[in-house]
Amino acid sequence: MRKSRTLGMPRTRVRALVAVLAALTTTALGLTTTDSAHAAPSTVVHYVALGDSYSAGGGSSTTYLNDCNQSVNSYPYLYARLTTPATFDFQACGAAKTTDVLDKQLTPLDGTTTLVSMTIGGNDTGLGTVMATCLFASDGACLDAVATAETRAHAELPGRLDTVYDAIRTRAPQARVVILGYPRFYDLAATACAGISATKRAALNAGADVLNGVIRDEAARHDGFVYEDVADRFTGHQLCDSAPWLHALNWPVGQSFHPNAAGQAGAYLPALQTAACTKAARILDAGLREAA
């Protein structure tokens, strides 16, 4: 008689699956009010996409839907097309800061909203100015610009994010809120990277890590918020790699250092898909992939 796939598995894989199921059962039995209240329903999803150009999709197309540079190649648009939520409201806008989210993007949120996604914070720290300085000025000027942005990230950004996060939770009390980070722009191991020094590349990557750390820590302080890192998802596809998922200096200039269509689909979309799952589903998915 032919054995089932499970019975025919190596014992190590069987033990791994048992451990995954045990962890899943424990998680389900011990599911907190926070986990259950903010887990987006599997059948009816009302999705609102907030944020800046990384969420709008700036750099991922040659034509855009509107003046906010919203793109059909953006991760919110791709996610909506794949999952067909009951409603999808696309509010993300190029050049947005935290104040823009507060003033212009929160209207669609209400008690029926089940999923919110957002990238925000880069423009509040002057990311565009830092990039321009590092591209066109000296190593010293680049290091100074990055240091200034890091100081602003530590001193100013937590309070600004706290205000935005509180406003989102007040307006959408049942939503799972997915906060996505920013890429590390350069592959520091690449041997050939014309136009920018190794010193500048390392400084920009370090600055991105600081920015992401502040965003991650602030999201962790808010009930029902999930931070999902994207930096590692760009590994092998950074600037100076053979098939980058990011633009270097590009025209229009505003597209520079933004994900292209491949970066939206290959890094940001799966990050949102992972974070939009419930805690139990994420444990099961990770465990089954490890056991396979």
Protein backbone atom coordinates (compact mmCIF):
# COMPACT_ATOMS: atom_id res chain seq x y z
CA MET A 1 0.00 0.00 0.00
CA ARG A 2 1.27 3.42 -0.89
CA LYS A 3 2.19 5.51 2.13
CA SER A 4 0.75 8.94 2.61
CA ARG A 5 3.13 11.86 2.14
CA THR A 6 3.13 12.56 5.88
CA LEU A 7 3.88 8.97 6.84
CA GLY A 8 6.60 8.86 4.23
CA MET A 9 8.33 11.98 5.52
CA PRO A 10 11.70 11.82 7.23
CA ARG A 11 11.25 11.82 10.99
CA THR A 12 12.88 15.24 11.34
CA ARG A 13 10.27 16.79 9.06
CA VAL A 14 7.43 15.02 10.90
CA ARG A 15 8.75 16.33 14.22
CA ALA A 16 8.99 19.81 12.72
CA LEU A 17 5.38 19.69 11.56
CA VAL A 18 4.23 18.45 14.96
CA ALA A 19 6.08 21.35 16.59
CA VAL A 20 4.46 23.82 14.22
CA LEU A 21 0.99 22.48 14.90
CA ALA A 22 1.63 22.50 18.62
CA ALA A 23 2.78 26.12 18.46
CA LEU A 24 -0.24 26.98 16.36
CA THR A 25 -2.60 25.32 18.85
CA THR A 26 -0.95 27.12 21.74
CA THR A 27 -1.21 30.40 19.92
CA ALA A 28 -4.84 29.85 19.03
CA LEU A 29 -5.80 28.83 22.57
CA GLY A 30 -3.89 31.73 24.03
CA LEU A 31 -5.01 34.26 21.46
CA THR A 32 -5.26 37.62 23.15
CA THR A 33 -8.08 40.08 22.76
CA THR A 34 -5.66 42.27 20.83
CA ASP A 35 -4.86 39.50 18.33
CA SER A 36 -8.47 38.57 17.70
CA ALA A 37 -9.83 42.10 17.61
CA HIS A 38 -7.33 43.28 15.01
CA ALA A 39 -7.21 40.20 12.78
CA ALA A 40 -8.77 41.17 9.45
CA PRO A 41 -11.79 38.94 8.69
CA SER A 42 -11.09 36.32 6.04
CA THR A 43 -14.28 36.97 4.04
CA VAL A 44 -14.96 40.72 4.29
CA VAL A 45 -12.01 43.07 4.05
CA HIS A 46 -12.24 46.85 3.90
CA TYR A 47 -8.77 48.07 2.98
CA VAL A 48 -7.37 51.60 3.15
CA ALA A 49 -3.85 52.36 1.83
CA LEU A 50 -2.19 55.41 3.37
CA GLY A 51 1.29 56.88 3.17
CA ASP A 52 3.91 58.44 0.95
CA SER A 53 5.36 57.74 -2.49
CA TYR A 54 6.63 54.29 -1.49
CA SER A 55 2.99 53.30 -0.99
CA ALA A 56 1.60 55.36 -3.86
CA GLY A 57 4.01 53.62 -6.24
CA GLY A 58 6.18 56.54 -7.34
CA GLY A 59 8.91 55.17 -9.58
CA SER A 60 7.01 52.02 -10.53
CA SER A 61 5.46 53.29 -13.76
CA THR A 62 5.81 55.78 -16.59
CA THR A 63 2.18 56.89 -16.26
CA TYR A 64 0.21 57.49 -13.08
CA LEU A 65 -3.40 57.55 -12.01
CA ASN A 66 -3.34 61.09 -10.62
CA ASP A 67 -1.17 63.90 -9.24
CA CYS A 68 -0.28 61.79 -6.20
CA ASN A 69 1.71 59.48 -8.52
CA GLN A 70 -0.46 56.53 -7.61
CA SER A 71 0.41 53.54 -9.76
CA VAL A 72 -1.29 50.30 -10.75
CA ASN A 73 2.11 48.73 -10.01
CA SER A 74 2.06 49.84 -6.37
CA TYR A 75 1.82 47.21 -3.66
CA PRO A 76 -1.61 48.44 -2.41
CA TYR A 77 -3.07 48.25 -5.91
CA LEU A 78 -1.52 44.82 -6.50
CA TYR A 79 -2.78 43.56 -3.15
CA ALA A 80 -6.30 44.78 -3.87
CA ARG A 81 -6.26 43.18 -7.29
CA LEU A 82 -5.11 39.84 -5.83
CA THR A 83 -7.43 39.73 -2.82
CA THR A 84 -10.47 41.64 -4.13
CA PRO A 85 -11.43 43.29 -0.82
CA ALA A 86 -15.00 44.46 -0.33
CA THR A 87 -13.70 48.03 -0.51
CA PHE A 88 -10.33 49.55 -1.36
CA ASP A 89 -9.53 53.21 -0.77
CA PHE A 90 -6.17 54.38 -2.13
CA GLN A 91 -5.05 57.48 -0.25
CA ALA A 92 -1.22 57.26 -0.41
CA CYS A 93 0.39 60.27 -2.08
CA GLY A 94 3.87 61.18 -3.27
CA ALA A 95 5.89 63.52 -1.00
CA ALA A 96 3.51 62.95 1.92
CA LYS A 97 4.62 63.63 5.47
CA THR A 98 2.91 62.66 8.69
CA THR A 99 0.99 65.95 8.64
CA ASP A 100 -0.36 65.14 5.18
CA VAL A 101 -1.64 61.78 6.39
CA LEU A 102 -3.42 63.53 9.26
CA ASP A 103 -4.85 66.34 7.15
CA LYS A 104 -5.71 64.61 3.89
CA GLN A 105 -5.77 60.81 4.06
CA LEU A 106 -7.79 59.59 7.06
CA THR A 107 -11.34 60.37 5.93
CA PRO A 108 -12.12 56.83 4.59
CA LEU A 109 -11.26 55.19 7.93
CA ASP A 110 -14.17 54.10 10.09
CA GLY A 111 -15.40 51.28 12.25
CA THR A 112 -15.78 48.94 9.27
CA THR A 113 -12.12 49.28 8.17
CA THR A 114 -10.33 45.96 8.67
CA LEU A 115 -6.93 46.58 7.06
CA VAL A 116 -4.71 49.66 6.80
CA SER A 117 -1.23 49.82 5.26
CA MET A 118 1.25 52.67 5.27
CA THR A 119 4.81 53.83 4.68
CA ILE A 120 5.52 57.19 6.31
CA GLY A 121 8.39 58.99 7.99
CA GLY A 122 11.02 59.30 5.28
CA ASN A 123 9.94 62.76 4.16
CA ASP A 124 9.66 63.95 7.75
CA THR A 125 13.38 63.31 8.18
CA GLY A 126 14.36 64.95 4.87
CA LEU A 127 15.14 61.76 2.98
CA GLY A 128 15.04 63.47 -0.43
CA THR A 129 17.49 66.17 0.63
CA VAL A 130 19.83 63.57 2.08
CA MET A 131 19.82 61.61 -1.16
CA ALA A 132 20.53 64.70 -3.26
CA THR A 133 23.39 65.72 -0.97
CA CYS A 134 24.95 62.29 -1.11
CA LEU A 135 24.67 62.14 -4.88
CA PHE A 136 26.09 65.55 -5.70
CA ALA A 137 28.21 66.70 -2.73
CA SER A 138 31.31 65.46 -0.94
CA ASP A 139 31.61 62.47 1.37
CA GLY A 140 31.76 64.82 4.33
CA ALA A 141 28.61 66.65 3.31
CA CYS A 142 26.82 63.34 2.83
CA LEU A 143 27.85 62.10 6.28
CA ASP A 144 26.65 65.36 7.83
CA ALA A 145 23.30 65.14 6.03
CA VAL A 146 22.75 61.56 7.15
CA ALA A 147 23.68 62.43 10.73
CA THR A 148 21.22 65.34 10.73
CA ALA A 149 18.45 63.08 9.41
CA GLU A 150 19.23 60.45 12.06
CA THR A 151 19.01 63.09 14.79
CA ARG A 152 15.63 64.22 13.47
CA ALA A 153 14.46 60.63 13.30
CA HIS A 154 15.27 60.07 16.97
CA ALA A 155 14.13 63.46 18.26
CA GLU A 156 11.07 64.33 16.16
CA LEU A 157 9.71 61.29 14.39
CA PRO A 158 8.41 59.25 17.38
CA GLY A 159 6.04 62.03 18.40
CA ARG A 160 4.81 62.58 14.85
CA LEU A 161 4.24 58.88 14.28
CA ASP A 162 2.49 58.56 17.63
CA THR A 163 0.02 61.27 16.62
CA VAL A 164 -0.70 59.57 13.28
CA TYR A 165 -0.99 56.10 14.77
CA ASP A 166 -3.37 57.31 17.48
CA ALA A 167 -5.54 59.03 14.88
CA ILE A 168 -5.70 55.86 12.76
CA ARG A 169 -6.66 53.73 15.76
CA THR A 170 -9.34 56.21 16.85
CA ARG A 171 -10.94 56.25 13.42
CA ALA A 172 -10.48 52.53 12.65
CA PRO A 173 -10.68 50.71 16.00
CA GLN A 174 -10.98 47.22 14.48
CA ALA A 175 -8.32 47.45 11.78
CA ARG A 176 -5.08 45.55 11.52
CA VAL A 177 -2.60 48.34 10.75
CA VAL A 178 0.46 47.28 8.74
CA ILE A 179 3.41 49.66 8.89
CA LEU A 180 6.05 48.96 6.24
CA GLY A 181 9.63 50.17 6.35
CA TYR A 182 12.09 51.43 3.75
CA PRO A 183 14.82 49.62 1.76
CA ARG A 184 18.54 49.63 2.33
CA PHE A 185 19.50 51.19 -0.96
CA TYR A 186 22.94 49.77 -1.74
CA ASP A 187 24.57 46.36 -1.92
CA LEU A 188 27.76 47.13 -0.03
CA ALA A 189 29.37 43.92 -1.26
CA ALA A 190 29.09 44.95 -4.90
CA THR A 191 32.54 45.55 -6.39
CA ALA A 192 31.39 47.96 -9.10
CA CYS A 193 29.12 50.85 -8.21
CA ALA A 194 29.75 53.91 -10.33
CA GLY A 195 28.91 57.42 -9.28
CA ILE A 196 28.86 57.13 -5.49
CA SER A 197 31.60 56.28 -3.01
CA ALA A 198 31.61 53.35 -0.60
CA THR A 199 31.53 55.86 2.27
CA LYS A 200 28.30 57.41 1.01
CA ARG A 201 26.70 54.05 0.32
CA ALA A 202 27.42 52.78 3.82
CA ALA A 203 26.12 55.99 5.39
CA LEU A 204 22.86 55.86 3.44
CA ASN A 205 22.26 52.24 4.40
CA ALA A 206 22.98 53.02 8.05
CA GLY A 207 20.57 55.95 7.90
CA ALA A 208 17.85 53.70 6.48
CA ASP A 209 18.37 51.29 9.37
CA VAL A 210 17.98 54.12 11.89
CA LEU A 211 14.80 55.32 10.21
CA ASN A 212 13.35 51.81 10.13
CA GLY A 213 14.27 51.22 13.75
CA VAL A 214 12.41 54.30 14.93
CA ILE A 215 9.33 53.35 12.88
CA ARG A 216 9.44 49.75 14.10
CA ASP A 217 9.75 50.73 17.76
CA GLU A 218 6.91 53.24 17.57
CA ALA A 219 4.61 50.77 15.82
CA ALA A 220 5.31 48.23 18.55
CA ARG A 221 3.89 50.65 21.13
CA HIS A 222 0.48 50.73 19.46
CA ASP A 223 -2.19 48.12 19.91
CA GLY A 224 -3.01 46.21 16.74
CA PHE A 225 -0.13 47.65 14.70
CA VAL A 226 2.25 45.32 12.85
CA TYR A 227 5.64 46.47 11.55
CA GLU A 228 6.96 44.56 8.55
CA ASP A 229 10.54 45.10 7.42
CA VAL A 230 11.28 45.20 3.70
CA ALA A 231 15.04 45.82 3.77
CA ASP A 232 16.05 42.15 3.62
CA ARG A 233 13.54 41.49 0.86
CA PHE A 234 15.62 43.73 -1.44
CA THR A 235 18.77 41.64 -0.88
CA GLY A 236 20.29 40.80 -4.25
CA HIS A 237 18.25 43.54 -5.90
CA GLN A 238 19.74 46.69 -4.39
CA LEU A 239 21.49 49.44 -6.26
CA CYS A 240 24.76 48.15 -7.73
CA ASP A 241 23.26 44.67 -8.18
CA SER A 242 22.66 43.35 -11.69
CA ALA A 243 18.86 43.46 -11.44
CA PRO A 244 18.01 46.25 -9.01
CA TRP A 245 14.48 46.72 -7.67
CA LEU A 246 15.25 50.39 -7.01
CA HIS A 247 15.98 53.39 -9.18
CA ALA A 248 19.33 55.14 -8.91
CA LEU A 249 19.47 58.73 -10.18
CA ASN A 250 16.56 58.80 -12.59
CA TRP A 251 14.32 61.13 -14.53
CA PRO A 252 11.98 62.44 -13.29
CA VAL A 253 14.30 63.04 -10.34
CA GLY A 254 11.52 62.29 -7.87
CA GLN A 255 11.63 58.63 -8.94
CA SER A 256 15.23 58.27 -7.79
CA PHE A 257 15.74 55.88 -4.87
CA HIS A 258 12.20 54.55 -5.20
CA PRO A 259 11.19 50.94 -5.87
CA ASN A 260 10.50 50.08 -9.49
CA ALA A 261 7.63 47.78 -10.46
CA ALA A 262 9.69 44.71 -9.57
CA GLY A 263 10.46 46.15 -6.13
CA GLN A 264 6.80 46.82 -5.43
CA ALA A 265 5.80 43.32 -6.52
CA GLY A 266 8.83 41.43 -5.19
CA ALA A 267 9.41 43.14 -1.85
CA TYR A 268 6.53 45.35 -0.71
CA LEU A 269 3.64 43.16 -1.86
CA PRO A 270 4.81 39.99 -0.06
CA ALA A 271 5.63 42.06 3.01
CA LEU A 272 2.04 43.28 3.14
CA GLN A 273 0.71 39.78 2.47
CA THR A 274 2.72 38.42 5.39
CA ALA A 275 1.74 41.18 7.80
CA ALA A 276 -1.94 41.13 6.84
CA CYS A 277 -2.24 37.53 8.06
CA THR A 278 -3.24 36.72 11.61
CA LYS A 279 -0.52 35.76 14.09
CA ALA A 280 -1.53 32.09 13.92
CA ALA A 281 -1.43 32.06 10.12
CA ARG A 282 2.06 33.58 10.11
CA ILE A 283 3.36 30.90 12.49
CA LEU A 284 1.84 28.13 10.41
CA ASP A 285 3.18 29.54 7.13
CA ALA A 286 6.71 30.02 8.48
CA GLY A 287 6.78 26.59 10.09
CA LEU A 288 5.48 24.72 7.08
CA ARG A 289 8.02 26.42 4.83
CA GLU A 290 10.81 25.41 7.22
CA ALA A 291 9.58 21.84 7.45
CA ALA A 292 9.13 21.40 3.68
